[in-house]
mmCIF file of all heavy atoms, coordinates in Angstrom:
data_MODEL
# 
_entry.id   MODEL 
# 
loop_
_atom_site.group_PDB 
_atom_site.id 
_atom_site.type_symbol 
_atom_site.label_atom_id 
_atom_site.label_alt_id 
_atom_site.label_comp_id 
_atom_site.label_asym_id 
_atom_site.label_entity_id 
_atom_site.label_seq_id 
_atom_site.pdbx_PDB_ins_code 
_atom_site.Cartn_x 
_atom_site.Cartn_y 
_atom_site.Cartn_z 
_atom_site.occupancy 
_atom_site.B_iso_or_equiv 
_atom_site.pdbx_formal_charge 
_atom_site.auth_seq_id 
_atom_site.auth_comp_id 
_atom_site.auth_asym_id 
_atom_site.auth_atom_id 
_atom_site.pdbx_PDB_model_num 
ATOM 1   N N   . LEU A 1 1  ? -65.145 60.641 23.372 1.00 0.00 ? 1  LEU A N   1 
ATOM 2   C CA  . LEU A 1 1  ? -65.204 59.811 24.588 1.00 0.00 ? 1  LEU A CA  1 
ATOM 3   C C   . LEU A 1 1  ? -66.364 60.210 25.485 1.00 0.00 ? 1  LEU A C   1 
ATOM 4   O O   . LEU A 1 1  ? -66.880 59.378 26.237 1.00 0.00 ? 1  LEU A O   1 
ATOM 5   C CB  . LEU A 1 1  ? -63.877 59.901 25.347 1.00 0.00 ? 1  LEU A CB  1 
ATOM 6   C CG  . LEU A 1 1  ? -62.711 59.178 24.671 1.00 0.00 ? 1  LEU A CG  1 
ATOM 7   C CD1 . LEU A 1 1  ? -61.398 59.527 25.348 1.00 0.00 ? 1  LEU A CD1 1 
ATOM 8   C CD2 . LEU A 1 1  ? -62.942 57.667 24.667 1.00 0.00 ? 1  LEU A CD2 1 
ATOM 9   N N   . GLN A 1 2  ? -66.789 61.475 25.410 1.00 0.00 ? 2  GLN A N   1 
ATOM 10  C CA  . GLN A 1 2  ? -67.950 61.908 26.188 1.00 0.00 ? 2  GLN A CA  1 
ATOM 11  C C   . GLN A 1 2  ? -69.242 61.285 25.671 1.00 0.00 ? 2  GLN A C   1 
ATOM 12  O O   . GLN A 1 2  ? -70.178 61.059 26.432 1.00 0.00 ? 2  GLN A O   1 
ATOM 13  C CB  . GLN A 1 2  ? -68.074 63.440 26.156 1.00 0.00 ? 2  GLN A CB  1 
ATOM 14  C CG  . GLN A 1 2  ? -66.967 64.166 26.857 1.00 0.00 ? 2  GLN A CG  1 
ATOM 15  C CD  . GLN A 1 2  ? -66.949 63.865 28.347 1.00 0.00 ? 2  GLN A CD  1 
ATOM 16  O OE1 . GLN A 1 2  ? -67.978 63.860 29.007 1.00 0.00 ? 2  GLN A OE1 1 
ATOM 17  N NE2 . GLN A 1 2  ? -65.768 63.587 28.877 1.00 0.00 ? 2  GLN A NE2 1 
ATOM 18  N N   . ILE A 1 3  ? -69.267 60.974 24.381 1.00 0.00 ? 3  ILE A N   1 
ATOM 19  C CA  . ILE A 1 3  ? -70.477 60.441 23.739 1.00 0.00 ? 3  ILE A CA  1 
ATOM 20  C C   . ILE A 1 3  ? -70.492 58.919 23.729 1.00 0.00 ? 3  ILE A C   1 
ATOM 21  O O   . ILE A 1 3  ? -71.527 58.294 23.925 1.00 0.00 ? 3  ILE A O   1 
ATOM 22  C CB  . ILE A 1 3  ? -70.587 60.960 22.290 1.00 0.00 ? 3  ILE A CB  1 
ATOM 23  C CG1 . ILE A 1 3  ? -70.780 62.473 22.278 1.00 0.00 ? 3  ILE A CG1 1 
ATOM 24  C CG2 . ILE A 1 3  ? -71.719 60.270 21.541 1.00 0.00 ? 3  ILE A CG2 1 
ATOM 25  C CD1 . ILE A 1 3  ? -70.689 63.087 20.894 1.00 0.00 ? 3  ILE A CD1 1 
ATOM 26  N N   . LEU A 1 4  ? -69.336 58.304 23.480 1.00 0.00 ? 4  LEU A N   1 
ATOM 27  C CA  . LEU A 1 4  ? -69.273 56.853 23.308 1.00 0.00 ? 4  LEU A CA  1 
ATOM 28  C C   . LEU A 1 4  ? -69.578 56.139 24.619 1.00 0.00 ? 4  LEU A C   1 
ATOM 29  O O   . LEU A 1 4  ? -69.076 56.540 25.673 1.00 0.00 ? 4  LEU A O   1 
ATOM 30  C CB  . LEU A 1 4  ? -67.887 56.441 22.793 1.00 0.00 ? 4  LEU A CB  1 
ATOM 31  C CG  . LEU A 1 4  ? -67.562 56.934 21.386 1.00 0.00 ? 4  LEU A CG  1 
ATOM 32  C CD1 . LEU A 1 4  ? -66.073 56.817 21.102 1.00 0.00 ? 4  LEU A CD1 1 
ATOM 33  C CD2 . LEU A 1 4  ? -68.373 56.151 20.357 1.00 0.00 ? 4  LEU A CD2 1 
ATOM 34  N N   . PRO A 1 5  ? -70.373 55.075 24.566 1.00 0.00 ? 5  PRO A N   1 
ATOM 35  C CA  . PRO A 1 5  ? -70.736 54.341 25.788 1.00 0.00 ? 5  PRO A CA  1 
ATOM 36  C C   . PRO A 1 5  ? -69.508 53.726 26.458 1.00 0.00 ? 5  PRO A C   1 
ATOM 37  O O   . PRO A 1 5  ? -68.607 53.227 25.789 1.00 0.00 ? 5  PRO A O   1 
ATOM 38  C CB  . PRO A 1 5  ? -71.677 53.236 25.292 1.00 0.00 ? 5  PRO A CB  1 
ATOM 39  C CG  . PRO A 1 5  ? -72.041 53.591 23.894 1.00 0.00 ? 5  PRO A CG  1 
ATOM 40  C CD  . PRO A 1 5  ? -71.000 54.517 23.371 1.00 0.00 ? 5  PRO A CD  1 
ATOM 41  N N   . GLU A 1 6  ? -69.487 53.757 27.780 1.00 0.00 ? 6  GLU A N   1 
ATOM 42  C CA  . GLU A 1 6  ? -68.372 53.215 28.562 1.00 0.00 ? 6  GLU A CA  1 
ATOM 43  C C   . GLU A 1 6  ? -68.066 51.767 28.198 1.00 0.00 ? 6  GLU A C   1 
ATOM 44  O O   . GLU A 1 6  ? -66.920 51.380 28.152 1.00 0.00 ? 6  GLU A O   1 
ATOM 45  C CB  . GLU A 1 6  ? -68.679 53.301 30.059 1.00 0.00 ? 6  GLU A CB  1 
ATOM 46  C CG  . GLU A 1 6  ? -68.553 54.692 30.632 1.00 0.00 ? 6  GLU A CG  1 
ATOM 47  C CD  . GLU A 1 6  ? -67.122 55.201 30.691 1.00 0.00 ? 6  GLU A CD  1 
ATOM 48  O OE1 . GLU A 1 6  ? -66.186 54.386 30.859 1.00 0.00 ? 6  GLU A OE1 1 
ATOM 49  O OE2 . GLU A 1 6  ? -66.938 56.422 30.566 1.00 0.00 ? 6  GLU A OE2 1 
ATOM 50  N N   . GLY A 1 7  ? -69.068 50.964 27.953 1.00 0.00 ? 7  GLY A N   1 
ATOM 51  C CA  . GLY A 1 7  ? -68.862 49.544 27.698 1.00 0.00 ? 7  GLY A CA  1 
ATOM 52  C C   . GLY A 1 7  ? -68.465 49.196 26.274 1.00 0.00 ? 7  GLY A C   1 
ATOM 53  O O   . GLY A 1 7  ? -68.228 48.035 25.956 1.00 0.00 ? 7  GLY A O   1 
ATOM 54  N N   . ASP A 1 8  ? -68.372 50.192 25.401 1.00 0.00 ? 8  ASP A N   1 
ATOM 55  C CA  . ASP A 1 8  ? -68.068 49.931 23.997 1.00 0.00 ? 8  ASP A CA  1 
ATOM 56  C C   . ASP A 1 8  ? -66.580 50.153 23.734 1.00 0.00 ? 8  ASP A C   1 
ATOM 57  O O   . ASP A 1 8  ? -66.159 51.166 23.184 1.00 0.00 ? 8  ASP A O   1 
ATOM 58  C CB  . ASP A 1 8  ? -68.913 50.837 23.095 1.00 0.00 ? 8  ASP A CB  1 
ATOM 59  C CG  . ASP A 1 8  ? -68.823 50.470 21.625 1.00 0.00 ? 8  ASP A CG  1 
ATOM 60  O OD1 . ASP A 1 8  ? -67.965 49.629 21.266 1.00 0.00 ? 8  ASP A OD1 1 
ATOM 61  O OD2 . ASP A 1 8  ? -69.594 51.028 20.830 1.00 0.00 ? 8  ASP A OD2 1 
ATOM 62  N N   . GLY A 1 9  ? -65.780 49.172 24.135 1.00 0.00 ? 9  GLY A N   1 
ATOM 63  C CA  . GLY A 1 9  ? -64.337 49.272 23.987 1.00 0.00 ? 9  GLY A CA  1 
ATOM 64  C C   . GLY A 1 9  ? -63.893 49.423 22.556 1.00 0.00 ? 9  GLY A C   1 
ATOM 65  O O   . GLY A 1 9  ? -62.950 50.163 22.258 1.00 0.00 ? 9  GLY A O   1 
ATOM 66  N N   . GLU A 1 10 ? -64.569 48.746 21.654 1.00 0.00 ? 10 GLU A N   1 
ATOM 67  C CA  . GLU A 1 10 ? -64.198 48.821 20.231 1.00 0.00 ? 10 GLU A CA  1 
ATOM 68  C C   . GLU A 1 10 ? -64.306 50.249 19.706 1.00 0.00 ? 10 GLU A C   1 
ATOM 69  O O   . GLU A 1 10 ? -63.473 50.697 18.922 1.00 0.00 ? 10 GLU A O   1 
ATOM 70  C CB  . GLU A 1 10 ? -65.085 47.899 19.404 1.00 0.00 ? 10 GLU A CB  1 
ATOM 71  C CG  . GLU A 1 10 ? -64.727 47.866 17.946 1.00 0.00 ? 10 GLU A CG  1 
ATOM 72  C CD  . GLU A 1 10 ? -65.634 46.944 17.140 1.00 0.00 ? 10 GLU A CD  1 
ATOM 73  O OE1 . GLU A 1 10 ? -66.075 45.922 17.674 1.00 0.00 ? 10 GLU A OE1 1 
ATOM 74  O OE2 . GLU A 1 10 ? -65.894 47.277 15.983 1.00 0.00 ? 10 GLU A OE2 1 
ATOM 75  N N   . ALA A 1 11 ? -65.311 50.976 20.158 1.00 0.00 ? 11 ALA A N   1 
ATOM 76  C CA  . ALA A 1 11 ? -65.510 52.347 19.700 1.00 0.00 ? 11 ALA A CA  1 
ATOM 77  C C   . ALA A 1 11 ? -64.628 53.335 20.464 1.00 0.00 ? 11 ALA A C   1 
ATOM 78  O O   . ALA A 1 11 ? -64.155 54.314 19.892 1.00 0.00 ? 11 ALA A O   1 
ATOM 79  C CB  . ALA A 1 11 ? -66.974 52.739 19.839 1.00 0.00 ? 11 ALA A CB  1 
ATOM 80  N N   . ARG A 1 12 ? -64.378 53.079 21.751 1.00 0.00 ? 12 ARG A N   1 
ATOM 81  C CA  . ARG A 1 12 ? -63.611 54.016 22.584 1.00 0.00 ? 12 ARG A CA  1 
ATOM 82  C C   . ARG A 1 12 ? -62.104 53.931 22.354 1.00 0.00 ? 12 ARG A C   1 
ATOM 83  O O   . ARG A 1 12 ? -61.392 54.921 22.475 1.00 0.00 ? 12 ARG A O   1 
ATOM 84  C CB  . ARG A 1 12 ? -63.936 53.779 24.061 1.00 0.00 ? 12 ARG A CB  1 
ATOM 85  C CG  . ARG A 1 12 ? -65.368 54.108 24.426 1.00 0.00 ? 12 ARG A CG  1 
ATOM 86  C CD  . ARG A 1 12 ? -65.652 53.840 25.892 1.00 0.00 ? 12 ARG A CD  1 
ATOM 87  N NE  . ARG A 1 12 ? -64.945 54.736 26.770 1.00 0.00 ? 12 ARG A NE  1 
ATOM 88  C CZ  . ARG A 1 12 ? -65.338 55.987 27.073 1.00 0.00 ? 12 ARG A CZ  1 
ATOM 89  N NH1 . ARG A 1 12 ? -66.452 56.464 26.551 1.00 0.00 ? 12 ARG A NH1 1 
ATOM 90  N NH2 . ARG A 1 12 ? -64.628 56.735 27.891 1.00 0.00 ? 12 ARG A NH2 1 
ATOM 91  N N   . THR A 1 13 ? -61.624 52.740 22.025 1.00 0.00 ? 13 THR A N   1 
ATOM 92  C CA  . THR A 1 13 ? -60.181 52.535 21.907 1.00 0.00 ? 13 THR A CA  1 
ATOM 93  C C   . THR A 1 13 ? -59.519 53.468 20.894 1.00 0.00 ? 13 THR A C   1 
ATOM 94  O O   . THR A 1 13 ? -58.473 54.062 21.204 1.00 0.00 ? 13 THR A O   1 
ATOM 95  C CB  . THR A 1 13 ? -59.885 51.059 21.588 1.00 0.00 ? 13 THR A CB  1 
ATOM 96  O OG1 . THR A 1 13 ? -60.374 50.264 22.674 1.00 0.00 ? 13 THR A OG1 1 
ATOM 97  C CG2 . THR A 1 13 ? -58.413 50.814 21.416 1.00 0.00 ? 13 THR A CG2 1 
ATOM 98  N N   . PRO A 1 14 ? -60.067 53.671 19.688 1.00 0.00 ? 14 PRO A N   1 
ATOM 99  C CA  . PRO A 1 14 ? -59.399 54.586 18.746 1.00 0.00 ? 14 PRO A CA  1 
ATOM 100 C C   . PRO A 1 14 ? -59.261 56.017 19.276 1.00 0.00 ? 14 PRO A C   1 
ATOM 101 O O   . PRO A 1 14 ? -58.262 56.685 18.995 1.00 0.00 ? 14 PRO A O   1 
ATOM 102 C CB  . PRO A 1 14 ? -60.289 54.538 17.505 1.00 0.00 ? 14 PRO A CB  1 
ATOM 103 C CG  . PRO A 1 14 ? -60.980 53.214 17.591 1.00 0.00 ? 14 PRO A CG  1 
ATOM 104 C CD  . PRO A 1 14 ? -61.196 52.985 19.058 1.00 0.00 ? 14 PRO A CD  1 
ATOM 105 N N   . ALA A 1 15 ? -60.225 56.475 20.058 1.00 0.00 ? 15 ALA A N   1 
ATOM 106 C CA  . ALA A 1 15 ? -60.127 57.823 20.629 1.00 0.00 ? 15 ALA A CA  1 
ATOM 107 C C   . ALA A 1 15 ? -58.982 57.875 21.641 1.00 0.00 ? 15 ALA A C   1 
ATOM 108 O O   . ALA A 1 15 ? -58.198 58.835 21.665 1.00 0.00 ? 15 ALA A O   1 
ATOM 109 C CB  . ALA A 1 15 ? -61.443 58.230 21.274 1.00 0.00 ? 15 ALA A CB  1 
ATOM 110 N N   . HIS A 1 16 ? -58.863 56.829 22.467 1.00 0.00 ? 16 HIS A N   1 
ATOM 111 C CA  . HIS A 1 16 ? -57.746 56.781 23.419 1.00 0.00 ? 16 HIS A CA  1 
ATOM 112 C C   . HIS A 1 16 ? -56.411 56.668 22.687 1.00 0.00 ? 16 HIS A C   1 
ATOM 113 O O   . HIS A 1 16 ? -55.433 57.314 23.067 1.00 0.00 ? 16 HIS A O   1 
ATOM 114 C CB  . HIS A 1 16 ? -57.908 55.602 24.383 1.00 0.00 ? 16 HIS A CB  1 
ATOM 115 C CG  . HIS A 1 16 ? -58.954 55.807 25.423 1.00 0.00 ? 16 HIS A CG  1 
ATOM 116 N ND1 . HIS A 1 16 ? -58.900 56.824 26.353 1.00 0.00 ? 16 HIS A ND1 1 
ATOM 117 C CD2 . HIS A 1 16 ? -60.089 55.123 25.683 1.00 0.00 ? 16 HIS A CD2 1 
ATOM 118 C CE1 . HIS A 1 16 ? -59.957 56.748 27.144 1.00 0.00 ? 16 HIS A CE1 1 
ATOM 119 N NE2 . HIS A 1 16 ? -60.699 55.735 26.759 1.00 0.00 ? 16 HIS A NE2 1 
ATOM 120 N N   . GLU A 1 17 ? -56.367 55.861 21.643 1.00 0.00 ? 17 GLU A N   1 
ATOM 121 C CA  . GLU A 1 17 ? -55.131 55.725 20.861 1.00 0.00 ? 17 GLU A CA  1 
ATOM 122 C C   . GLU A 1 17 ? -54.715 57.078 20.280 1.00 0.00 ? 17 GLU A C   1 
ATOM 123 O O   . GLU A 1 17 ? -53.533 57.421 20.258 1.00 0.00 ? 17 GLU A O   1 
ATOM 124 C CB  . GLU A 1 17 ? -55.314 54.718 19.734 1.00 0.00 ? 17 GLU A CB  1 
ATOM 125 C CG  . GLU A 1 17 ? -55.325 53.278 20.191 1.00 0.00 ? 17 GLU A CG  1 
ATOM 126 C CD  . GLU A 1 17 ? -55.439 52.322 19.027 1.00 0.00 ? 17 GLU A CD  1 
ATOM 127 O OE1 . GLU A 1 17 ? -56.582 52.063 18.591 1.00 0.00 ? 17 GLU A OE1 1 
ATOM 128 O OE2 . GLU A 1 17 ? -54.394 51.842 18.556 1.00 0.00 ? 17 GLU A OE2 1 
ATOM 129 N N   . LEU A 1 18 ? -55.687 57.838 19.810 1.00 0.00 ? 18 LEU A N   1 
ATOM 130 C CA  . LEU A 1 18 ? -55.381 59.153 19.262 1.00 0.00 ? 18 LEU A CA  1 
ATOM 131 C C   . LEU A 1 18 ? -54.851 60.082 20.350 1.00 0.00 ? 18 LEU A C   1 
ATOM 132 O O   . LEU A 1 18 ? -53.895 60.838 20.128 1.00 0.00 ? 18 LEU A O   1 
ATOM 133 C CB  . LEU A 1 18 ? -56.619 59.750 18.599 1.00 0.00 ? 18 LEU A CB  1 
ATOM 134 C CG  . LEU A 1 18 ? -56.340 61.037 17.859 1.00 0.00 ? 18 LEU A CG  1 
ATOM 135 C CD1 . LEU A 1 18 ? -55.386 60.783 16.696 1.00 0.00 ? 18 LEU A CD1 1 
ATOM 136 C CD2 . LEU A 1 18 ? -57.607 61.648 17.359 1.00 0.00 ? 18 LEU A CD2 1 
ATOM 137 N N   . LEU A 1 19 ? -55.424 59.992 21.538 1.00 0.00 ? 19 LEU A N   1 
ATOM 138 C CA  . LEU A 1 19 ? -54.926 60.815 22.644 1.00 0.00 ? 19 LEU A CA  1 
ATOM 139 C C   . LEU A 1 19 ? -53.522 60.397 23.070 1.00 0.00 ? 19 LEU A C   1 
ATOM 140 O O   . LEU A 1 19 ? -52.739 61.229 23.534 1.00 0.00 ? 19 LEU A O   1 
ATOM 141 C CB  . LEU A 1 19 ? -55.915 60.781 23.814 1.00 0.00 ? 19 LEU A CB  1 
ATOM 142 C CG  . LEU A 1 19 ? -57.216 61.543 23.544 1.00 0.00 ? 19 LEU A CG  1 
ATOM 143 C CD1 . LEU A 1 19 ? -58.243 61.278 24.635 1.00 0.00 ? 19 LEU A CD1 1 
ATOM 144 C CD2 . LEU A 1 19 ? -56.945 63.042 23.398 1.00 0.00 ? 19 LEU A CD2 1 
ATOM 145 N N   . VAL A 1 20 ? -53.180 59.129 22.895 1.00 0.00 ? 20 VAL A N   1 
ATOM 146 C CA  . VAL A 1 20 ? -51.802 58.678 23.122 1.00 0.00 ? 20 VAL A CA  1 
ATOM 147 C C   . VAL A 1 20 ? -50.877 59.383 22.132 1.00 0.00 ? 20 VAL A C   1 
ATOM 148 O O   . VAL A 1 20 ? -49.820 59.916 22.503 1.00 0.00 ? 20 VAL A O   1 
ATOM 149 C CB  . VAL A 1 20 ? -51.670 57.143 22.977 1.00 0.00 ? 20 VAL A CB  1 
ATOM 150 C CG1 . VAL A 1 20 ? -50.212 56.714 22.828 1.00 0.00 ? 20 VAL A CG1 1 
ATOM 151 C CG2 . VAL A 1 20 ? -52.309 56.426 24.159 1.00 0.00 ? 20 VAL A CG2 1 
ATOM 152 N N   . LYS A 1 21 ? -51.270 59.405 20.857 1.00 0.00 ? 21 LYS A N   1 
ATOM 153 C CA  . LYS A 1 21 ? -50.450 60.058 19.831 1.00 0.00 ? 21 LYS A CA  1 
ATOM 154 C C   . LYS A 1 21 ? -50.282 61.550 20.124 1.00 0.00 ? 21 LYS A C   1 
ATOM 155 O O   . LYS A 1 21 ? -49.194 62.101 19.962 1.00 0.00 ? 21 LYS A O   1 
ATOM 156 C CB  . LYS A 1 21 ? -51.077 59.880 18.451 1.00 0.00 ? 21 LYS A CB  1 
ATOM 157 C CG  . LYS A 1 21 ? -51.022 58.470 17.938 1.00 0.00 ? 21 LYS A CG  1 
ATOM 158 C CD  . LYS A 1 21 ? -51.729 58.374 16.592 1.00 0.00 ? 21 LYS A CD  1 
ATOM 159 C CE  . LYS A 1 21 ? -51.780 56.956 16.091 1.00 0.00 ? 21 LYS A CE  1 
ATOM 160 N NZ  . LYS A 1 21 ? -52.500 56.847 14.818 1.00 0.00 ? 21 LYS A NZ  1 
ATOM 161 N N   . VAL A 1 22 ? -51.356 62.179 20.564 1.00 0.00 ? 22 VAL A N   1 
ATOM 162 C CA  . VAL A 1 22 ? -51.299 63.601 20.912 1.00 0.00 ? 22 VAL A CA  1 
ATOM 163 C C   . VAL A 1 22 ? -50.316 63.809 22.056 1.00 0.00 ? 22 VAL A C   1 
ATOM 164 O O   . VAL A 1 22 ? -49.462 64.696 22.011 1.00 0.00 ? 22 VAL A O   1 
ATOM 165 C CB  . VAL A 1 22 ? -52.699 64.137 21.276 1.00 0.00 ? 22 VAL A CB  1 
ATOM 166 C CG1 . VAL A 1 22 ? -52.617 65.509 21.946 1.00 0.00 ? 22 VAL A CG1 1 
ATOM 167 C CG2 . VAL A 1 22 ? -53.589 64.208 20.037 1.00 0.00 ? 22 VAL A CG2 1 
ATOM 168 N N   . ALA A 1 23 ? -50.427 62.977 23.084 1.00 0.00 ? 23 ALA A N   1 
ATOM 169 C CA  . ALA A 1 23 ? -49.539 63.108 24.240 1.00 0.00 ? 23 ALA A CA  1 
ATOM 170 C C   . ALA A 1 23 ? -48.083 62.904 23.833 1.00 0.00 ? 23 ALA A C   1 
ATOM 171 O O   . ALA A 1 23 ? -47.201 63.650 24.275 1.00 0.00 ? 23 ALA A O   1 
ATOM 172 C CB  . ALA A 1 23 ? -49.941 62.108 25.326 1.00 0.00 ? 23 ALA A CB  1 
ATOM 173 N N   . LEU A 1 24 ? -47.827 61.908 22.997 1.00 0.00 ? 24 LEU A N   1 
ATOM 174 C CA  . LEU A 1 24 ? -46.454 61.670 22.549 1.00 0.00 ? 24 LEU A CA  1 
ATOM 175 C C   . LEU A 1 24 ? -45.941 62.820 21.680 1.00 0.00 ? 24 LEU A C   1 
ATOM 176 O O   . LEU A 1 24 ? -44.775 63.194 21.770 1.00 0.00 ? 24 LEU A O   1 
ATOM 177 C CB  . LEU A 1 24 ? -46.359 60.334 21.815 1.00 0.00 ? 24 LEU A CB  1 
ATOM 178 C CG  . LEU A 1 24 ? -46.520 59.095 22.708 1.00 0.00 ? 24 LEU A CG  1 
ATOM 179 C CD1 . LEU A 1 24 ? -46.617 57.829 21.864 1.00 0.00 ? 24 LEU A CD1 1 
ATOM 180 C CD2 . LEU A 1 24 ? -45.392 58.995 23.726 1.00 0.00 ? 24 LEU A CD2 1 
ATOM 181 N N   . ALA A 1 25 ? -46.813 63.392 20.872 1.00 0.00 ? 25 ALA A N   1 
ATOM 182 C CA  . ALA A 1 25 ? -46.415 64.542 20.053 1.00 0.00 ? 25 ALA A CA  1 
ATOM 183 C C   . ALA A 1 25 ? -46.059 65.737 20.935 1.00 0.00 ? 25 ALA A C   1 
ATOM 184 O O   . ALA A 1 25 ? -45.219 66.555 20.570 1.00 0.00 ? 25 ALA A O   1 
ATOM 185 C CB  . ALA A 1 25 ? -47.542 64.918 19.082 1.00 0.00 ? 25 ALA A CB  1 
ATOM 186 N N   . ARG A 1 26 ? -46.670 65.802 22.088 1.00 0.00 ? 26 ARG A N   1 
ATOM 187 C CA  . ARG A 1 26 ? -46.393 66.883 23.045 1.00 0.00 ? 26 ARG A CA  1 
ATOM 188 C C   . ARG A 1 26 ? -45.275 66.505 24.027 1.00 0.00 ? 26 ARG A C   1 
ATOM 189 O O   . ARG A 1 26 ? -45.007 67.256 24.965 1.00 0.00 ? 26 ARG A O   1 
ATOM 190 C CB  . ARG A 1 26 ? -47.661 67.207 23.834 1.00 0.00 ? 26 ARG A CB  1 
ATOM 191 C CG  . ARG A 1 26 ? -48.773 67.796 23.009 1.00 0.00 ? 26 ARG A CG  1 
ATOM 192 C CD  . ARG A 1 26 ? -50.000 67.968 23.857 1.00 0.00 ? 26 ARG A CD  1 
ATOM 193 N NE  . ARG A 1 26 ? -51.047 68.678 23.135 1.00 0.00 ? 26 ARG A NE  1 
ATOM 194 C CZ  . ARG A 1 26 ? -52.328 68.692 23.501 1.00 0.00 ? 26 ARG A CZ  1 
ATOM 195 N NH1 . ARG A 1 26 ? -52.712 68.034 24.586 1.00 0.00 ? 26 ARG A NH1 1 
ATOM 196 N NH2 . ARG A 1 26 ? -53.208 69.341 22.792 1.00 0.00 ? 26 ARG A NH2 1 
ATOM 197 N N   . ASN A 1 27 ? -44.703 65.327 23.862 1.00 0.00 ? 27 ASN A N   1 
ATOM 198 C CA  . ASN A 1 27 ? -43.681 64.799 24.780 1.00 0.00 ? 27 ASN A CA  1 
ATOM 199 C C   . ASN A 1 27 ? -44.192 64.697 26.210 1.00 0.00 ? 27 ASN A C   1 
ATOM 200 O O   . ASN A 1 27 ? -43.436 64.881 27.171 1.00 0.00 ? 27 ASN A O   1 
ATOM 201 C CB  . ASN A 1 27 ? -42.396 65.641 24.730 1.00 0.00 ? 27 ASN A CB  1 
ATOM 202 C CG  . ASN A 1 27 ? -41.702 65.520 23.397 1.00 0.00 ? 27 ASN A CG  1 
ATOM 203 O OD1 . ASN A 1 27 ? -41.530 64.416 22.887 1.00 0.00 ? 27 ASN A OD1 1 
ATOM 204 N ND2 . ASN A 1 27 ? -41.328 66.644 22.824 1.00 0.00 ? 27 ASN A ND2 1 
ATOM 205 N N   . ASP A 1 28 ? -45.469 64.381 26.353 1.00 0.00 ? 28 ASP A N   1 
ATOM 206 C CA  . ASP A 1 28 ? -46.100 64.210 27.668 1.00 0.00 ? 28 ASP A CA  1 
ATOM 207 C C   . ASP A 1 28 ? -46.251 62.707 27.922 1.00 0.00 ? 28 ASP A C   1 
ATOM 208 O O   . ASP A 1 28 ? -47.289 62.115 27.642 1.00 0.00 ? 28 ASP A O   1 
ATOM 209 C CB  . ASP A 1 28 ? -47.455 64.917 27.681 1.00 0.00 ? 28 ASP A CB  1 
ATOM 210 C CG  . ASP A 1 28 ? -48.115 64.915 29.052 1.00 0.00 ? 28 ASP A CG  1 
ATOM 211 O OD1 . ASP A 1 28 ? -47.675 64.156 29.945 1.00 0.00 ? 28 ASP A OD1 1 
ATOM 212 O OD2 . ASP A 1 28 ? -49.087 65.671 29.224 1.00 0.00 ? 28 ASP A OD2 1 
# 
């Protein structure tokens, strides 16, 4: 997410989705 351009939703979304999975795995 630090590298991917802010306006590139297609590229950024999978990283956010993965962070959702991480948060859910941590029960956060």
